[in-house]
């Protein structure tokens, strides 16, 4: 089968991409507006970019009407954010924060997510996340216009908070103890509990 992306709608392209680019790690992103209102939302177009300087990216698509989501608007007002990773045991709370809520409603409060003050940025971090990256905005790259168009947010990692309970014998996070989840197509998710190793060639 051949899919010609130049001949299908953005919605169809989104469906093909989310069904084949997987599993996708989830960035549970906390932001704050200039007025001090907090926001928390999950995004699965998320990845590390480079370690020199330490940088990650999230892509936040416009809503079905082509409007910016609260996350991007907030980062435009207060150029800082926190990326919190999502373990299996907080999956329901993460999913609840994906609901479309008015800007004045805090997902932390509405969904009962524990907020912890950050060290270097204004948005709070998720207390139940095993790893939280405090980030300063590097840049936002807009790709496309209208519904589902992207806003790629690059953030410089300032500090990470890692729960001691997820550290392995080597002092680094143990994938089994992290037990993170990732997005598949549709309503599907995967866990990092089934793993294998391959030694890279010299």
C-alpha atoms as a PDB file:
ATOM      1  CA  UNK A   1       0.000   0.000   0.000  1.00  0.00           C
ATOM      2  CA  UNK A   2       1.185   3.495  -0.852  1.00  0.00           C
ATOM      3  CA  UNK A   3      -0.024   6.603   0.992  1.00  0.00           C
ATOM      4  CA  UNK A   4       0.383   9.848  -0.941  1.00  0.00           C
ATOM      5  CA  UNK A   5       0.542  12.506   1.776  1.00  0.00           C
ATOM      6  CA  UNK A   6       0.144  15.243  -0.834  1.00  0.00           C
ATOM      7  CA  UNK A   7      -3.297  13.870  -1.737  1.00  0.00           C
ATOM      8  CA  UNK A   8      -4.867  13.349   1.694  1.00  0.00           C
ATOM      9  CA  UNK A   9      -6.279  15.731   4.286  1.00  0.00           C
ATOM     10  CA  UNK A  10      -4.300  16.859   7.359  1.00  0.00           C
ATOM     11  CA  UNK A  11      -6.647  14.802   9.542  1.00  0.00           C
ATOM     12  CA  UNK A  12      -5.932  11.673   7.477  1.00  0.00           C
ATOM     13  CA  UNK A  13      -2.196  12.407   7.565  1.00  0.00           C
ATOM     14  CA  UNK A  14      -2.392  12.761  11.346  1.00  0.00           C
ATOM     15  CA  UNK A  15      -4.075   9.363  11.569  1.00  0.00           C
ATOM     16  CA  UNK A  16      -1.381   7.653   9.513  1.00  0.00           C
ATOM     17  CA  UNK A  17       1.430   9.337  11.426  1.00  0.00           C
ATOM     18  CA  UNK A  18       0.096   8.537  14.890  1.00  0.00           C
ATOM     19  CA  UNK A  19      -0.566   4.931  13.858  1.00  0.00           C
ATOM     20  CA  UNK A  20       2.997   4.373  12.618  1.00  0.00           C
ATOM     21  CA  UNK A  21       5.320   6.673  14.592  1.00  0.00           C
ATOM     22  CA  UNK A  22       5.248   4.731  17.831  1.00  0.00           C
ATOM     23  CA  UNK A  23       5.484   4.247  20.674  1.00  0.00           C
ATOM     24  CA  UNK A  24       5.643   7.974  21.319  1.00  0.00           C
ATOM     25  CA  UNK A  25       6.838   9.199  24.740  1.00  0.00           C
ATOM     26  CA  UNK A  26       4.468  11.541  26.525  1.00  0.00           C
ATOM     27  CA  UNK A  27       5.456  15.016  27.662  1.00  0.00           C
ATOM     28  CA  UNK A  28       3.116  16.098  30.461  1.00  0.00           C
ATOM     29  CA  UNK A  29       3.742  19.818  30.146  1.00  0.00           C
ATOM     30  CA  UNK A  30       3.081  22.353  32.872  1.00  0.00           C
ATOM     31  CA  UNK A  31       2.996  26.072  32.092  1.00  0.00           C
ATOM     32  CA  UNK A  32       1.759  29.275  33.666  1.00  0.00           C
ATOM     33  CA  UNK A  33       0.160  32.325  32.065  1.00  0.00           C
ATOM     34  CA  UNK A  34       1.207  35.916  32.666  1.00  0.00           C
ATOM     35  CA  UNK A  35      -1.795  36.184  34.987  1.00  0.00           C
ATOM     36  CA  UNK A  36      -0.476  33.262  37.050  1.00  0.00           C
ATOM     37  CA  UNK A  37      -2.947  30.590  35.881  1.00  0.00           C
ATOM     38  CA  UNK A  38      -1.383  27.127  35.684  1.00  0.00           C
ATOM     39  CA  UNK A  39      -1.984  24.661  32.866  1.00  0.00           C
ATOM     40  CA  UNK A  40      -1.110  20.979  32.497  1.00  0.00           C
ATOM     41  CA  UNK A  41      -1.519  18.998  29.274  1.00  0.00           C
ATOM     42  CA  UNK A  42      -0.040  15.856  27.655  1.00  0.00           C
ATOM     43  CA  UNK A  43       1.634  15.813  24.226  1.00  0.00           C
ATOM     44  CA  UNK A  44       3.041  12.793  22.427  1.00  0.00           C
ATOM     45  CA  UNK A  45       5.052  14.567  19.742  1.00  0.00           C
ATOM     46  CA  UNK A  46       8.003  14.868  22.124  1.00  0.00           C
ATOM     47  CA  UNK A  47      11.686  14.038  22.003  1.00  0.00           C
ATOM     48  CA  UNK A  48      15.168  14.974  23.107  1.00  0.00           C
ATOM     49  CA  UNK A  49      17.079  17.066  20.582  1.00  0.00           C
ATOM     50  CA  UNK A  50      20.675  17.387  21.759  1.00  0.00           C
ATOM     51  CA  UNK A  51      22.784  17.243  24.901  1.00  0.00           C
ATOM     52  CA  UNK A  52      24.971  20.159  23.834  1.00  0.00           C
ATOM     53  CA  UNK A  53      23.239  22.233  25.021  1.00  0.00           C
ATOM     54  CA  UNK A  54      20.687  19.954  26.743  1.00  0.00           C
ATOM     55  CA  UNK A  55      17.515  20.585  24.734  1.00  0.00           C
ATOM     56  CA  UNK A  56      14.186  18.871  24.178  1.00  0.00           C
ATOM     57  CA  UNK A  57      11.213  19.564  21.964  1.00  0.00           C
ATOM     58  CA  UNK A  58       7.467  19.203  22.072  1.00  0.00           C
ATOM     59  CA  UNK A  59       5.084  19.795  19.205  1.00  0.00           C
ATOM     60  CA  UNK A  60       1.704  21.261  20.115  1.00  0.00           C
ATOM     61  CA  UNK A  61      -0.809  21.165  17.267  1.00  0.00           C
ATOM     62  CA  UNK A  62      -3.502  23.807  16.930  1.00  0.00           C
ATOM     63  CA  UNK A  63      -7.012  22.884  18.014  1.00  0.00           C
ATOM     64  CA  UNK A  64      -9.763  21.853  15.592  1.00  0.00           C
ATOM     65  CA  UNK A  65     -10.554  25.522  14.927  1.00  0.00           C
ATOM     66  CA  UNK A  66      -6.935  26.442  14.188  1.00  0.00           C
ATOM     67  CA  UNK A  67      -6.389  28.244  17.485  1.00  0.00           C
ATOM     68  CA  UNK A  68      -3.307  27.995  19.684  1.00  0.00           C
ATOM     69  CA  UNK A  69      -3.654  25.765  22.717  1.00  0.00           C
ATOM     70  CA  UNK A  70      -3.156  27.155  26.210  1.00  0.00           C
ATOM     71  CA  UNK A  71       0.278  25.554  26.472  1.00  0.00           C
ATOM     72  CA  UNK A  72       1.693  27.532  23.541  1.00  0.00           C
ATOM     73  CA  UNK A  73      -0.049  30.747  24.569  1.00  0.00           C
ATOM     74  CA  UNK A  74       1.323  30.442  28.092  1.00  0.00           C
ATOM     75  CA  UNK A  75       4.871  29.758  26.903  1.00  0.00           C
ATOM     76  CA  UNK A  76       4.576  32.843  24.696  1.00  0.00           C
ATOM     77  CA  UNK A  77       3.689  34.897  27.801  1.00  0.00           C
ATOM     78  CA  UNK A  78       6.012  33.185  30.299  1.00  0.00           C
ATOM     79  CA  UNK A  79       8.860  31.520  28.329  1.00  0.00           C
ATOM     80  CA  UNK A  80       9.341  28.606  30.692  1.00  0.00           C
ATOM     81  CA  UNK A  81       7.795  25.150  31.060  1.00  0.00           C
ATOM     82  CA  UNK A  82       8.242  21.785  32.763  1.00  0.00           C
ATOM     83  CA  UNK A  83       8.159  18.435  30.974  1.00  0.00           C
ATOM     84  CA  UNK A  84       7.040  15.688  33.343  1.00  0.00           C
ATOM     85  CA  UNK A  85       7.299  12.044  32.242  1.00  0.00           C
ATOM     86  CA  UNK A  86       4.315   9.739  32.717  1.00  0.00           C
ATOM     87  CA  UNK A  87       4.511   6.374  34.516  1.00  0.00           C
ATOM     88  CA  UNK A  88       1.777   3.776  34.300  1.00  0.00           C
ATOM     89  CA  UNK A  89       0.376   4.481  37.761  1.00  0.00           C
ATOM     90  CA  UNK A  90      -0.637   8.070  36.889  1.00  0.00           C
ATOM     91  CA  UNK A  91      -2.119   7.250  33.477  1.00  0.00           C
ATOM     92  CA  UNK A  92      -5.693   8.155  34.470  1.00  0.00           C
ATOM     93  CA  UNK A  93      -4.719  11.568  35.833  1.00  0.00           C
ATOM     94  CA  UNK A  94      -2.648  12.294  32.718  1.00  0.00           C
ATOM     95  CA  UNK A  95      -5.538  11.333  30.473  1.00  0.00           C
ATOM     96  CA  UNK A  96      -7.937  13.537  32.467  1.00  0.00           C
ATOM     97  CA  UNK A  97      -5.734  16.582  31.811  1.00  0.00           C
ATOM     98  CA  UNK A  98      -6.187  16.109  28.057  1.00  0.00           C
ATOM     99  CA  UNK A  99      -9.747  17.467  28.341  1.00  0.00           C
ATOM    100  CA  UNK A 100     -10.497  20.826  26.732  1.00  0.00           C
ATOM    101  CA  UNK A 101     -10.943  23.245  29.614  1.00  0.00           C
ATOM    102  CA  UNK A 102     -11.240  27.047  29.696  1.00  0.00           C
ATOM    103  CA  UNK A 103      -7.911  28.873  30.232  1.00  0.00           C
ATOM    104  CA  UNK A 104      -8.964  30.010  33.695  1.00  0.00           C
ATOM    105  CA  UNK A 105      -9.355  26.399  34.915  1.00  0.00           C
ATOM    106  CA  UNK A 106      -6.201  24.716  36.256  1.00  0.00           C
ATOM    107  CA  UNK A 107      -5.841  21.059  35.329  1.00  0.00           C
ATOM    108  CA  UNK A 108      -3.751  20.580  38.470  1.00  0.00           C
ATOM    109  CA  UNK A 109      -6.744  21.528  40.612  1.00  0.00           C
ATOM    110  CA  UNK A 110      -9.521  20.075  38.442  1.00  0.00           C
ATOM    111  CA  UNK A 111      -7.837  16.681  38.024  1.00  0.00           C
ATOM    112  CA  UNK A 112      -6.279  16.403  41.477  1.00  0.00           C
ATOM    113  CA  UNK A 113      -2.678  16.385  40.250  1.00  0.00           C
ATOM    114  CA  UNK A 114      -0.150  17.313  42.947  1.00  0.00           C
ATOM    115  CA  UNK A 115       1.755  20.494  42.059  1.00  0.00           C
ATOM    116  CA  UNK A 116       5.256  21.045  43.448  1.00  0.00           C
ATOM    117  CA  UNK A 117       7.127  24.363  43.147  1.00  0.00           C
ATOM    118  CA  UNK A 118       9.915  24.303  40.590  1.00  0.00           C
ATOM    119  CA  UNK A 119      13.437  25.435  41.372  1.00  0.00           C
ATOM    120  CA  UNK A 120      14.405  27.568  38.362  1.00  0.00           C
ATOM    121  CA  UNK A 121      11.148  28.243  36.487  1.00  0.00           C
ATOM    122  CA  UNK A 122       7.737  29.620  37.406  1.00  0.00           C
ATOM    123  CA  UNK A 123       5.461  26.752  36.292  1.00  0.00           C
ATOM    124  CA  UNK A 124       5.061  24.034  38.938  1.00  0.00           C
ATOM    125  CA  UNK A 125       6.074  20.453  38.287  1.00  0.00           C
ATOM    126  CA  UNK A 126       4.010  17.298  38.763  1.00  0.00           C
ATOM    127  CA  UNK A 127       4.792  15.817  42.165  1.00  0.00           C
ATOM    128  CA  UNK A 128       3.827  12.292  41.077  1.00  0.00           C
ATOM    129  CA  UNK A 129       6.124  12.262  38.033  1.00  0.00           C
ATOM    130  CA  UNK A 130       9.408  10.367  38.533  1.00  0.00           C
ATOM    131  CA  UNK A 131      11.326  12.761  36.277  1.00  0.00           C
ATOM    132  CA  UNK A 132      10.595  16.434  35.623  1.00  0.00           C
ATOM    133  CA  UNK A 133      12.631  18.690  33.332  1.00  0.00           C
ATOM    134  CA  UNK A 134      12.551  22.409  34.073  1.00  0.00           C
ATOM    135  CA  UNK A 135      13.037  24.213  30.756  1.00  0.00           C
ATOM    136  CA  UNK A 136      13.586  27.734  29.460  1.00  0.00           C
ATOM    137  CA  UNK A 137      12.191  28.484  26.023  1.00  0.00           C
ATOM    138  CA  UNK A 138      14.747  28.405  23.229  1.00  0.00           C
ATOM    139  CA  UNK A 139      12.374  29.014  20.321  1.00  0.00           C
ATOM    140  CA  UNK A 140       9.007  28.189  18.816  1.00  0.00           C
ATOM    141  CA  UNK A 141       8.850  27.139  15.167  1.00  0.00           C
ATOM    142  CA  UNK A 142       5.433  27.329  13.548  1.00  0.00           C
ATOM    143  CA  UNK A 143       4.776  24.783  10.809  1.00  0.00           C
ATOM    144  CA  UNK A 144       1.624  25.181   8.727  1.00  0.00           C
ATOM    145  CA  UNK A 145      -1.559  27.152   9.335  1.00  0.00           C
ATOM    146  CA  UNK A 146      -4.987  26.282  10.660  1.00  0.00           C
ATOM    147  CA  UNK A 147      -6.261  23.126  12.391  1.00  0.00           C
ATOM    148  CA  UNK A 148      -3.614  20.528  13.325  1.00  0.00           C
ATOM    149  CA  UNK A 149      -0.789  22.844  12.216  1.00  0.00           C
ATOM    150  CA  UNK A 150       2.212  22.518  14.494  1.00  0.00           C
ATOM    151  CA  UNK A 151       4.027  24.713  16.975  1.00  0.00           C
ATOM    152  CA  UNK A 152       7.364  23.072  17.705  1.00  0.00           C
ATOM    153  CA  UNK A 153       8.620  24.273  21.072  1.00  0.00           C
ATOM    154  CA  UNK A 154      12.333  23.879  21.829  1.00  0.00           C
ATOM    155  CA  UNK A 155      13.321  24.114  25.480  1.00  0.00           C
ATOM    156  CA  UNK A 156      16.748  24.354  27.106  1.00  0.00           C
ATOM    157  CA  UNK A 157      16.841  21.954  30.051  1.00  0.00           C
ATOM    158  CA  UNK A 158      17.920  23.827  33.164  1.00  0.00           C
ATOM    159  CA  UNK A 159      17.518  21.164  35.827  1.00  0.00           C
ATOM    160  CA  UNK A 160      15.921  17.732  36.186  1.00  0.00           C
ATOM    161  CA  UNK A 161      14.240  16.333  39.275  1.00  0.00           C
ATOM    162  CA  UNK A 162      14.563  12.540  39.499  1.00  0.00           C
ATOM    163  CA  UNK A 163      12.934  10.479  42.247  1.00  0.00           C
ATOM    164  CA  UNK A 164      15.438   8.332  44.101  1.00  0.00           C
ATOM    165  CA  UNK A 165      13.073   5.351  43.891  1.00  0.00           C
ATOM    166  CA  UNK A 166      13.582   4.991  40.127  1.00  0.00           C
ATOM    167  CA  UNK A 167      17.385   4.893  40.231  1.00  0.00           C
ATOM    168  CA  UNK A 168      19.152   1.625  39.492  1.00  0.00           C
ATOM    169  CA  UNK A 169      22.427   0.228  40.820  1.00  0.00           C
ATOM    170  CA  UNK A 170      24.377   2.302  38.268  1.00  0.00           C
ATOM    171  CA  UNK A 171      22.910   5.541  39.616  1.00  0.00           C
ATOM    172  CA  UNK A 172      20.811   6.157  36.494  1.00  0.00           C
ATOM    173  CA  UNK A 173      17.041   5.710  36.082  1.00  0.00           C
ATOM    174  CA  UNK A 174      16.044   2.056  35.672  1.00  0.00           C
ATOM    175  CA  UNK A 175      13.452   1.587  32.885  1.00  0.00           C
ATOM    176  CA  UNK A 176      11.675  -1.075  34.963  1.00  0.00           C
ATOM    177  CA  UNK A 177      11.338   1.274  37.913  1.00  0.00           C
ATOM    178  CA  UNK A 178      10.249   4.178  35.718  1.00  0.00           C
ATOM    179  CA  UNK A 179       7.499   2.062  34.064  1.00  0.00           C
ATOM    180  CA  UNK A 180       6.712   4.816  31.574  1.00  0.00           C
ATOM    181  CA  UNK A 181       3.893   4.718  29.061  1.00  0.00           C
ATOM    182  CA  UNK A 182       3.819   5.838  25.429  1.00  0.00           C
ATOM    183  CA  UNK A 183       1.138   6.600  22.891  1.00  0.00           C
ATOM    184  CA  UNK A 184       0.140   4.274  20.095  1.00  0.00           C
ATOM    185  CA  UNK A 185      -2.514   4.955  17.478  1.00  0.00           C
ATOM    186  CA  UNK A 186      -6.036   5.879  18.555  1.00  0.00           C
ATOM    187  CA  UNK A 187      -6.695   5.183  22.234  1.00  0.00           C
ATOM    188  CA  UNK A 188      -3.793   2.713  22.494  1.00  0.00           C
ATOM    189  CA  UNK A 189      -0.839   2.973  24.870  1.00  0.00           C
ATOM    190  CA  UNK A 190       2.283   0.905  25.521  1.00  0.00           C
ATOM    191  CA  UNK A 191       4.407   0.312  28.634  1.00  0.00           C
ATOM    192  CA  UNK A 192       8.178   0.080  28.875  1.00  0.00           C
ATOM    193  CA  UNK A 193       7.914  -3.253  30.675  1.00  0.00           C
ATOM    194  CA  UNK A 194       8.776  -5.459  27.673  1.00  0.00           C
ATOM    195  CA  UNK A 195      12.348  -4.752  26.625  1.00  0.00           C
ATOM    196  CA  UNK A 196      15.356  -6.336  24.934  1.00  0.00           C
ATOM    197  CA  UNK A 197      18.985  -5.346  24.414  1.00  0.00           C
ATOM    198  CA  UNK A 198      21.091  -5.071  21.267  1.00  0.00           C
ATOM    199  CA  UNK A 199      24.798  -4.291  21.377  1.00  0.00           C
ATOM    200  CA  UNK A 200      25.721  -1.589  18.888  1.00  0.00           C
ATOM    201  CA  UNK A 201      28.497  -2.512  16.436  1.00  0.00           C
ATOM    202  CA  UNK A 202      31.859  -0.765  16.717  1.00  0.00           C
END
